Amino acid sequence: MLVEFLEPAHIEYQEAIEFYNLQSEGLGDKFIIEVDRTISIIKKYPESFCEYTSHTRKAVVSIFPYNIIYALHKNYIEVIAIAHQHRKPNFWLNR
């Protein structure tokens, strides 16, 4: 199934990668690997993650304090937010 990122979600993803790369060499790459792994699971089993709102689901990224908030559509999965678990909860609700 196709996965599409909303522009704000893509920006959040890039900012998190940059943040982790500044913390430690290669840490951003580890973040990418874990997000990719989580997205692969979402693609295989899109309905396996818990409902977060009436139109979204939440997948927790292993090792890192991030959630992937996504919506299921007929032909694709829409990533709405790459959301840090401890900052500004539900900031993405208006997307």
PDB file of N, CA and C in Angstrom:
ATOM      1  N   MET A   1       0.847  -1.180   0.000  1.00  0.00           N
ATOM      2  CA  MET A   1       0.000   0.000   0.000  1.00  0.00           C
ATOM      3  C   MET A   1       0.892   1.242   0.000  1.00  0.00           C
ATOM      4  N   LEU A   2       0.500   2.231  -0.733  1.00  0.00           N
ATOM      5  CA  LEU A   2       1.241   3.478  -0.852  1.00  0.00           C
ATOM      6  C   LEU A   2       1.149   4.275   0.443  1.00  0.00           C
ATOM      7  N   VAL A   3       2.252   4.906   0.834  1.00  0.00           N
ATOM      8  CA  VAL A   3       2.290   5.767   2.012  1.00  0.00           C
ATOM      9  C   VAL A   3       2.651   7.170   1.550  1.00  0.00           C
ATOM     10  N   GLU A   4       1.832   8.144   1.945  1.00  0.00           N
ATOM     11  CA  GLU A   4       2.088   9.546   1.616  1.00  0.00           C
ATOM     12  C   GLU A   4       2.182  10.345   2.905  1.00  0.00           C
ATOM     13  N   PHE A   5       3.141  11.255   2.955  1.00  0.00           N
ATOM     14  CA  PHE A   5       3.316  12.137   4.106  1.00  0.00           C
ATOM     15  C   PHE A   5       2.673  13.482   3.814  1.00  0.00           C
ATOM     16  N   LEU A   6       1.913  14.005   4.755  1.00  0.00           N
ATOM     17  CA  LEU A   6       1.526  15.411   4.666  1.00  0.00           C
ATOM     18  C   LEU A   6       2.805  16.227   4.795  1.00  0.00           C
ATOM     19  N   GLU A   7       2.833  17.394   4.185  1.00  0.00           N
ATOM     20  CA  GLU A   7       4.034  18.236   4.231  1.00  0.00           C
ATOM     21  C   GLU A   7       4.497  18.513   5.671  1.00  0.00           C
ATOM     22  N   PRO A   8       3.614  18.873   6.600  1.00  0.00           N
ATOM     23  CA  PRO A   8       4.082  19.099   7.979  1.00  0.00           C
ATOM     24  C   PRO A   8       4.700  17.844   8.609  1.00  0.00           C
ATOM     25  N   ALA A   9       4.168  16.682   8.304  1.00  0.00           N
ATOM     26  CA  ALA A   9       4.722  15.432   8.839  1.00  0.00           C
ATOM     27  C   ALA A   9       6.118  15.190   8.268  1.00  0.00           C
ATOM     28  N   HIS A  10       6.293  15.475   6.990  1.00  0.00           N
ATOM     29  CA  HIS A  10       7.605  15.310   6.362  1.00  0.00           C
ATOM     30  C   HIS A  10       8.619  16.262   7.006  1.00  0.00           C
ATOM     31  N   ILE A  11       8.212  17.470   7.273  1.00  0.00           N
ATOM     32  CA  ILE A  11       9.096  18.452   7.930  1.00  0.00           C
ATOM     33  C   ILE A  11       9.457  17.975   9.333  1.00  0.00           C
ATOM     34  N   GLU A  12       8.474  17.471  10.083  1.00  0.00           N
ATOM     35  CA  GLU A  12       8.749  16.948  11.434  1.00  0.00           C
ATOM     36  C   GLU A  12       9.755  15.808  11.380  1.00  0.00           C
ATOM     37  N   TYR A  13       9.603  14.944  10.407  1.00  0.00           N
ATOM     38  CA  TYR A  13      10.507  13.813  10.224  1.00  0.00           C
ATOM     39  C   TYR A  13      11.925  14.306   9.954  1.00  0.00           C
ATOM     40  N   GLN A  14      12.072  15.245   9.029  1.00  0.00           N
ATOM     41  CA  GLN A  14      13.388  15.790   8.698  1.00  0.00           C
ATOM     42  C   GLN A  14      14.021  16.503   9.895  1.00  0.00           C
ATOM     43  N   GLU A  15      13.223  17.251  10.646  1.00  0.00           N
ATOM     44  CA  GLU A  15      13.737  17.956  11.820  1.00  0.00           C
ATOM     45  C   GLU A  15      14.214  16.980  12.887  1.00  0.00           C
ATOM     46  N   ALA A  16      13.493  15.888  13.082  1.00  0.00           N
ATOM     47  CA  ALA A  16      13.905  14.880  14.063  1.00  0.00           C
ATOM     48  C   ALA A  16      15.217  14.221  13.636  1.00  0.00           C
ATOM     49  N   ILE A  17      15.350  13.924  12.351  1.00  0.00           N
ATOM     50  CA  ILE A  17      16.598  13.342  11.843  1.00  0.00           C
ATOM     51  C   ILE A  17      17.761  14.289  12.106  1.00  0.00           C
ATOM     52  N   GLU A  18      17.576  15.560  11.785  1.00  0.00           N
ATOM     53  CA  GLU A  18      18.629  16.555  12.006  1.00  0.00           C
ATOM     54  C   GLU A  18      18.980  16.671  13.486  1.00  0.00           C
ATOM     55  N   PHE A  19      17.966  16.677  14.342  1.00  0.00           N
ATOM     56  CA  PHE A  19      18.197  16.758  15.787  1.00  0.00           C
ATOM     57  C   PHE A  19      19.052  15.583  16.256  1.00  0.00           C
ATOM     58  N   TYR A  20      18.680  14.374  15.860  1.00  0.00           N
ATOM     59  CA  TYR A  20      19.427  13.200  16.304  1.00  0.00           C
ATOM     60  C   TYR A  20      20.832  13.159  15.718  1.00  0.00           C
ATOM     61  N   ASN A  21      21.009  13.650  14.498  1.00  0.00           N
ATOM     62  CA  ASN A  21      22.353  13.710  13.930  1.00  0.00           C
ATOM     63  C   ASN A  21      23.243  14.678  14.692  1.00  0.00           C
ATOM     64  N   LEU A  22      22.661  15.744  15.235  1.00  0.00           N
ATOM     65  CA  LEU A  22      23.436  16.681  16.047  1.00  0.00           C
ATOM     66  C   LEU A  22      23.798  16.085  17.404  1.00  0.00           C
ATOM     67  N   GLN A  23      22.981  15.175  17.896  1.00  0.00           N
ATOM     68  CA  GLN A  23      23.231  14.566  19.206  1.00  0.00           C
ATOM     69  C   GLN A  23      24.388  13.575  19.153  1.00  0.00           C
ATOM     70  N   SER A  24      24.422  12.777  18.102  1.00  0.00           N
ATOM     71  CA  SER A  24      25.432  11.736  17.986  1.00  0.00           C
ATOM     72  C   SER A  24      25.519  11.278  16.525  1.00  0.00           C
ATOM     73  N   GLU A  25      26.722  11.105  16.040  1.00  0.00           N
ATOM     74  CA  GLU A  25      26.910  10.668  14.657  1.00  0.00           C
ATOM     75  C   GLU A  25      26.225   9.319  14.434  1.00  0.00           C
ATOM     76  N   GLY A  26      25.393   9.258  13.412  1.00  0.00           N
ATOM     77  CA  GLY A  26      24.699   8.026  13.068  1.00  0.00           C
ATOM     78  C   GLY A  26      23.365   7.826  13.762  1.00  0.00           C
ATOM     79  N   LEU A  27      23.063   8.647  14.763  1.00  0.00           N
ATOM     80  CA  LEU A  27      21.799   8.477  15.484  1.00  0.00           C
ATOM     81  C   LEU A  27      20.609   8.822  14.595  1.00  0.00           C
ATOM     82  N   GLY A  28      20.768   9.801  13.719  1.00  0.00           N
ATOM     83  CA  GLY A  28      19.708  10.129  12.768  1.00  0.00           C
ATOM     84  C   GLY A  28      19.411   8.966  11.846  1.00  0.00           C
ATOM     85  N   ASP A  29      20.465   8.252  11.450  1.00  0.00           N
ATOM     86  CA  ASP A  29      20.278   7.069  10.600  1.00  0.00           C
ATOM     87  C   ASP A  29      19.509   5.979  11.342  1.00  0.00           C
ATOM     88  N   LYS A  30      19.785   5.821  12.623  1.00  0.00           N
ATOM     89  CA  LYS A  30      19.046   4.833  13.429  1.00  0.00           C
ATOM     90  C   LYS A  30      17.575   5.220  13.527  1.00  0.00           C
ATOM     91  N   PHE A  31      17.315   6.527  13.643  1.00  0.00           N
ATOM     92  CA  PHE A  31      15.939   7.005  13.675  1.00  0.00           C
ATOM     93  C   PHE A  31      15.232   6.669  12.361  1.00  0.00           C
ATOM     94  N   ILE A  32      15.904   6.911  11.235  1.00  0.00           N
ATOM     95  CA  ILE A  32      15.336   6.597   9.922  1.00  0.00           C
ATOM     96  C   ILE A  32      14.994   5.117   9.839  1.00  0.00           C
ATOM     97  N   ILE A  33      15.909   4.269  10.280  1.00  0.00           N
ATOM     98  CA  ILE A  33      15.691   2.820  10.240  1.00  0.00           C
ATOM     99  C   ILE A  33      14.453   2.438  11.048  1.00  0.00           C
ATOM    100  N   GLU A  34      14.303   3.003  12.229  1.00  0.00           N
ATOM    101  CA  GLU A  34      13.160   2.654  13.077  1.00  0.00           C
ATOM    102  C   GLU A  34      11.841   3.182  12.512  1.00  0.00           C
ATOM    103  N   VAL A  35      11.860   4.388  11.948  1.00  0.00           N
ATOM    104  CA  VAL A  35      10.644   4.928  11.323  1.00  0.00           C
ATOM    105  C   VAL A  35      10.283   4.075  10.106  1.00  0.00           C
ATOM    106  N   ASP A  36      11.276   3.727   9.294  1.00  0.00           N
ATOM    107  CA  ASP A  36      11.023   2.868   8.129  1.00  0.00           C
ATOM    108  C   ASP A  36      10.464   1.518   8.541  1.00  0.00           C
ATOM    109  N   ARG A  37      11.010   0.957   9.612  1.00  0.00           N
ATOM    110  CA  ARG A  37      10.532  -0.334  10.104  1.00  0.00           C
ATOM    111  C   ARG A  37       9.074  -0.225  10.547  1.00  0.00           C
ATOM    112  N   THR A  38       8.752   0.836  11.240  1.00  0.00           N
ATOM    113  CA  THR A  38       7.378   1.039  11.704  1.00  0.00           C
ATOM    114  C   THR A  38       6.432   1.236  10.527  1.00  0.00           C
ATOM    115  N   ILE A  39       6.847   2.007   9.546  1.00  0.00           N
ATOM    116  CA  ILE A  39       6.014   2.225   8.358  1.00  0.00           C
ATOM    117  C   ILE A  39       5.814   0.922   7.588  1.00  0.00           C
ATOM    118  N   SER A  40       6.834   0.085   7.528  1.00  0.00           N
ATOM    119  CA  SER A  40       6.689  -1.220   6.866  1.00  0.00           C
ATOM    120  C   SER A  40       5.617  -2.069   7.548  1.00  0.00           C
ATOM    121  N   ILE A  41       5.590  -2.029   8.869  1.00  0.00           N
ATOM    122  CA  ILE A  41       4.562  -2.770   9.615  1.00  0.00           C
ATOM    123  C   ILE A  41       3.189  -2.165   9.359  1.00  0.00           C
ATOM    124  N   ILE A  42       3.117  -0.841   9.351  1.00  0.00           N
ATOM    125  CA  ILE A  42       1.844  -0.172   9.054  1.00  0.00           C
ATOM    126  C   ILE A  42       1.339  -0.604   7.673  1.00  0.00           C
ATOM    127  N   LYS A  43       2.237  -0.645   6.696  1.00  0.00           N
ATOM    128  CA  LYS A  43       1.850  -1.030   5.331  1.00  0.00           C
ATOM    129  C   LYS A  43       1.306  -2.455   5.276  1.00  0.00           C
ATOM    130  N   LYS A  44       1.924  -3.362   6.021  1.00  0.00           N
ATOM    131  CA  LYS A  44       1.491  -4.763   6.016  1.00  0.00           C
ATOM    132  C   LYS A  44       0.198  -4.964   6.800  1.00  0.00           C
ATOM    133  N   TYR A  45       0.095  -4.275   7.934  1.00  0.00           N
ATOM    134  CA  TYR A  45      -1.036  -4.471   8.844  1.00  0.00           C
ATOM    135  C   TYR A  45      -1.617  -3.120   9.250  1.00  0.00           C
ATOM    136  N   PRO A  46      -2.197  -2.397   8.321  1.00  0.00           N
ATOM    137  CA  PRO A  46      -2.616  -1.018   8.597  1.00  0.00           C
ATOM    138  C   PRO A  46      -3.664  -0.861   9.702  1.00  0.00           C
ATOM    139  N   GLU A  47      -4.437  -1.891   9.942  1.00  0.00           N
ATOM    140  CA  GLU A  47      -5.477  -1.778  10.960  1.00  0.00           C
ATOM    141  C   GLU A  47      -5.055  -2.369  12.304  1.00  0.00           C
ATOM    142  N   SER A  48      -3.805  -2.783  12.421  1.00  0.00           N
ATOM    143  CA  SER A  48      -3.369  -3.433  13.654  1.00  0.00           C
ATOM    144  C   SER A  48      -3.035  -2.458  14.772  1.00  0.00           C
ATOM    145  N   PHE A  49      -2.775  -1.215  14.438  1.00  0.00           N
ATOM    146  CA  PHE A  49      -2.447  -0.237  15.468  1.00  0.00           C
ATOM    147  C   PHE A  49      -3.725   0.394  16.016  1.00  0.00           C
ATOM    148  N   CYS A  50      -3.636   0.841  17.267  1.00  0.00           N
ATOM    149  CA  CYS A  50      -4.837   1.331  17.950  1.00  0.00           C
ATOM    150  C   CYS A  50      -5.370   2.615  17.315  1.00  0.00           C
ATOM    151  N   GLU A  51      -6.674   2.757  17.392  1.00  0.00           N
ATOM    152  CA  GLU A  51      -7.302   4.000  16.947  1.00  0.00           C
ATOM    153  C   GLU A  51      -6.909   5.097  17.922  1.00  0.00           C
ATOM    154  N   TYR A  52      -6.579   6.238  17.369  1.00  0.00           N
ATOM    155  CA  TYR A  52      -6.151   7.364  18.203  1.00  0.00           C
ATOM    156  C   TYR A  52      -7.235   8.431  18.277  1.00  0.00           C
ATOM    157  N   THR A  53      -7.784   8.750  17.124  1.00  0.00           N
ATOM    158  CA  THR A  53      -8.976   9.592  17.058  1.00  0.00           C
ATOM    159  C   THR A  53      -9.957   8.835  16.167  1.00  0.00           C
ATOM    160  N   SER A  54     -11.087   9.432  15.892  1.00  0.00           N
ATOM    161  CA  SER A  54     -12.079   8.727  15.079  1.00  0.00           C
ATOM    162  C   SER A  54     -11.589   8.449  13.655  1.00  0.00           C
ATOM    163  N   HIS A  55     -10.572   9.183  13.190  1.00  0.00           N
ATOM    164  CA  HIS A  55     -10.099   9.009  11.807  1.00  0.00           C
ATOM    165  C   HIS A  55      -8.617   8.663  11.708  1.00  0.00           C
ATOM    166  N   THR A  56      -7.956   8.482  12.858  1.00  0.00           N
ATOM    167  CA  THR A  56      -6.519   8.219  12.807  1.00  0.00           C
ATOM    168  C   THR A  56      -6.145   7.019  13.674  1.00  0.00           C
ATOM    169  N   ARG A  57      -4.930   6.548  13.430  1.00  0.00           N
ATOM    170  CA  ARG A  57      -4.326   5.487  14.222  1.00  0.00           C
ATOM    171  C   ARG A  57      -2.931   5.946  14.642  1.00  0.00           C
ATOM    172  N   LYS A  58      -2.411   5.305  15.682  1.00  0.00           N
ATOM    173  CA  LYS A  58      -1.108   5.687  16.218  1.00  0.00           C
ATOM    174  C   LYS A  58      -0.202   4.470  16.295  1.00  0.00           C
ATOM    175  N   ALA A  59       0.995   4.595  15.704  1.00  0.00           N
ATOM    176  CA  ALA A  59       2.021   3.561  15.796  1.00  0.00           C
ATOM    177  C   ALA A  59       3.207   4.152  16.549  1.00  0.00           C
ATOM    178  N   VAL A  60       3.705   3.424  17.519  1.00  0.00           N
ATOM    179  CA  VAL A  60       4.843   3.876  18.312  1.00  0.00           C
ATOM    180  C   VAL A  60       6.132   3.423  17.630  1.00  0.00           C
ATOM    181  N   VAL A  61       7.072   4.349  17.501  1.00  0.00           N
ATOM    182  CA  VAL A  61       8.376   4.050  16.913  1.00  0.00           C
ATOM    183  C   VAL A  61       9.257   3.442  18.003  1.00  0.00           C
ATOM    184  N   SER A  62       9.843   2.285  17.727  1.00  0.00           N
ATOM    185  CA  SER A  62      10.724   1.628  18.700  1.00  0.00           C
ATOM    186  C   SER A  62      11.952   2.486  18.982  1.00  0.00           C
ATOM    187  N   ILE A  63      12.418   2.423  20.221  1.00  0.00           N
ATOM    188  CA  ILE A  63      13.640   3.063  20.703  1.00  0.00           C
ATOM    189  C   ILE A  63      13.504   4.578  20.876  1.00  0.00           C
ATOM    190  N   PHE A  64      12.819   5.246  19.986  1.00  0.00           N
ATOM    191  CA  PHE A  64      12.713   6.704  20.003  1.00  0.00           C
ATOM    192  C   PHE A  64      11.337   7.127  20.509  1.00  0.00           C
ATOM    193  N   PRO A  65      11.256   8.279  21.176  1.00  0.00           N
ATOM    194  CA  PRO A  65       9.975   8.731  21.742  1.00  0.00           C
ATOM    195  C   PRO A  65       9.075   9.428  20.715  1.00  0.00           C
ATOM    196  N   TYR A  66       8.750   8.715  19.658  1.00  0.00           N
ATOM    197  CA  TYR A  66       7.917   9.270  18.587  1.00  0.00           C
ATOM    198  C   TYR A  66       6.777   8.338  18.246  1.00  0.00           C
ATOM    199  N   ASN A  67       5.676   8.942  17.837  1.00  0.00           N
ATOM    200  CA  ASN A  67       4.524   8.220  17.307  1.00  0.00           C
ATOM    201  C   ASN A  67       4.341   8.616  15.849  1.00  0.00           C
ATOM    202  N   ILE A  68       3.863   7.667  15.075  1.00  0.00           N
ATOM    203  CA  ILE A  68       3.455   7.970  13.708  1.00  0.00           C
ATOM    204  C   ILE A  68       1.937   7.980  13.720  1.00  0.00           C
ATOM    205  N   ILE A  69       1.368   9.139  13.456  1.00  0.00           N
ATOM    206  CA  ILE A  69      -0.080   9.293  13.393  1.00  0.00           C
ATOM    207  C   ILE A  69      -0.469   9.202  11.927  1.00  0.00           C
ATOM    208  N   TYR A  70      -1.386   8.302  11.626  1.00  0.00           N
ATOM    209  CA  TYR A  70      -1.743   8.091  10.222  1.00  0.00           C
ATOM    210  C   TYR A  70      -3.238   7.838  10.054  1.00  0.00           C
ATOM    211  N   ALA A  71      -3.674   8.047   8.822  1.00  0.00           N
ATOM    212  CA  ALA A  71      -5.072   7.798   8.456  1.00  0.00           C
ATOM    213  C   ALA A  71      -5.090   6.789   7.315  1.00  0.00           C
ATOM    214  N   LEU A  72      -6.062   5.908   7.369  1.00  0.00           N
ATOM    215  CA  LEU A  72      -6.242   4.919   6.308  1.00  0.00           C
ATOM    216  C   LEU A  72      -7.231   5.457   5.286  1.00  0.00           C
ATOM    217  N   HIS A  73      -6.856   5.353   4.037  1.00  0.00           N
ATOM    218  CA  HIS A  73      -7.735   5.701   2.933  1.00  0.00           C
ATOM    219  C   HIS A  73      -7.886   4.461   2.064  1.00  0.00           C
ATOM    220  N   LYS A  74      -8.754   4.515   1.120  1.00  0.00           N
ATOM    221  CA  LYS A  74      -9.038   3.333   0.301  1.00  0.00           C
ATOM    222  C   LYS A  74      -7.786   2.772  -0.370  1.00  0.00           C
ATOM    223  N   ASN A  75      -6.969   3.641  -0.956  1.00  0.00           N
ATOM    224  CA  ASN A  75      -5.820   3.184  -1.727  1.00  0.00           C
ATOM    225  C   ASN A  75      -4.464   3.591  -1.162  1.00  0.00           C
ATOM    226  N   TYR A  76      -4.445   4.262  -0.016  1.00  0.00           N
ATOM    227  CA  TYR A  76      -3.161   4.698   0.517  1.00  0.00           C
ATOM    228  C   TYR A  76      -3.255   4.975   2.019  1.00  0.00           C
ATOM    229  N   ILE A  77      -2.094   5.123   2.614  1.00  0.00           N
ATOM    230  CA  ILE A  77      -1.965   5.496   4.023  1.00  0.00           C
ATOM    231  C   ILE A  77      -1.390   6.900   4.053  1.00  0.00           C
ATOM    232  N   GLU A  78      -2.002   7.762   4.831  1.00  0.00           N
ATOM    233  CA  GLU A  78      -1.560   9.149   4.926  1.00  0.00           C
ATOM    234  C   GLU A  78      -0.926   9.383   6.292  1.00  0.00           C
ATOM    235  N   VAL A  79       0.360   9.709   6.301  1.00  0.00           N
ATOM    236  CA  VAL A  79       1.041  10.042   7.550  1.00  0.00           C
ATOM    237  C   VAL A  79       0.726  11.496   7.862  1.00  0.00           C
ATOM    238  N   ILE A  80       0.073  11.688   8.981  1.00  0.00           N
ATOM    239  CA  ILE A  80      -0.387  13.018   9.378  1.00  0.00           C
ATOM    240  C   ILE A  80       0.638  13.723  10.243  1.00  0.00           C
ATOM    241  N   ALA A  81       1.340  12.950  11.088  1.00  0.00           N
ATOM    242  CA  ALA A  81       2.323  13.559  11.987  1.00  0.00           C
ATOM    243  C   ALA A  81       3.376  12.542  12.384  1.00  0.00           C
ATOM    244  N   ILE A  82       4.581  13.046  12.554  1.00  0.00           N
ATOM    245  CA  ILE A  82       5.650  12.315  13.238  1.00  0.00           C
ATOM    246  C   ILE A  82       5.780  13.078  14.552  1.00  0.00           C
ATOM    247  N   ALA A  83       5.103  12.579  15.566  1.00  0.00           N
ATOM    248  CA  ALA A  83       4.871  13.349  16.785  1.00  0.00           C
ATOM    249  C   ALA A  83       5.715  12.856  17.951  1.00  0.00           C
ATOM    250  N   HIS A  84       6.477  13.773  18.542  1.00  0.00           N
ATOM    251  CA  HIS A  84       7.223  13.459  19.754  1.00  0.00           C
ATOM    252  C   HIS A  84       6.221  13.160  20.858  1.00  0.00           C
ATOM    253  N   GLN A  85       6.494  12.156  21.654  1.00  0.00           N
ATOM    254  CA  GLN A  85       5.535  11.704  22.660  1.00  0.00           C
ATOM    255  C   GLN A  85       5.399  12.647  23.850  1.00  0.00           C
ATOM    256  N   HIS A  86       6.368  13.557  24.041  1.00  0.00           N
ATOM    257  CA  HIS A  86       6.339  14.407  25.224  1.00  0.00           C
ATOM    258  C   HIS A  86       6.237  15.903  24.925  1.00  0.00           C
ATOM    259  N   ARG A  87       6.067  16.257  23.674  1.00  0.00           N
ATOM    260  CA  ARG A  87       5.969  17.669  23.302  1.00  0.00           C
ATOM    261  C   ARG A  87       4.637  17.963  22.637  1.00  0.00           C
ATOM    262  N   LYS A  88       4.014  19.017  23.041  1.00  0.00           N
ATOM    263  CA  LYS A  88       2.789  19.520  22.402  1.00  0.00           C
ATOM    264  C   LYS A  88       1.828  18.409  21.965  1.00  0.00           C
ATOM    265  N   PRO A  89       1.231  17.708  22.907  1.00  0.00           N
ATOM    266  CA  PRO A  89       0.316  16.640  22.500  1.00  0.00           C
ATOM    267  C   PRO A  89      -0.832  17.169  21.648  1.00  0.00           C
ATOM    268  N   ASN A  90      -1.173  16.399  20.660  1.00  0.00           N
ATOM    269  CA  ASN A  90      -2.297  16.683  19.754  1.00  0.00           C
ATOM    270  C   ASN A  90      -2.170  17.965  18.948  1.00  0.00           C
ATOM    271  N   PHE A  91      -0.937  18.436  18.747  1.00  0.00           N
ATOM    272  CA  PHE A  91      -0.725  19.646  17.953  1.00  0.00           C
ATOM    273  C   PHE A  91      -1.177  19.480  16.514  1.00  0.00           C
ATOM    274  N   TRP A  92      -1.273  18.287  16.066  1.00  0.00           N
ATOM    275  CA  TRP A  92      -1.560  17.955  14.667  1.00  0.00           C
ATOM    276  C   TRP A  92      -3.047  17.814  14.377  1.00  0.00           C
ATOM    277  N   LEU A  93      -3.911  17.944  15.367  1.00  0.00           N
ATOM    278  CA  LEU A  93      -5.335  17.651  15.195  1.00  0.00           C
ATOM    279  C   LEU A  93      -6.021  18.441  14.083  1.00  0.00           C
ATOM    280  N   ASN A  94      -5.541  19.605  13.756  1.00  0.00           N
ATOM    281  CA  ASN A  94      -6.178  20.422  12.713  1.00  0.00           C
ATOM    282  C   ASN A  94      -5.733  20.053  11.299  1.00  0.00           C
ATOM    283  N   ARG A  95      -4.909  19.036  11.164  1.00  0.00           N
ATOM    284  CA  ARG A  95      -4.421  18.650   9.831  1.00  0.00           C
ATOM    285  C   ARG A  95      -5.425  17.821   9.100  1.00  0.00           C
TER     286      ARG A  95
END
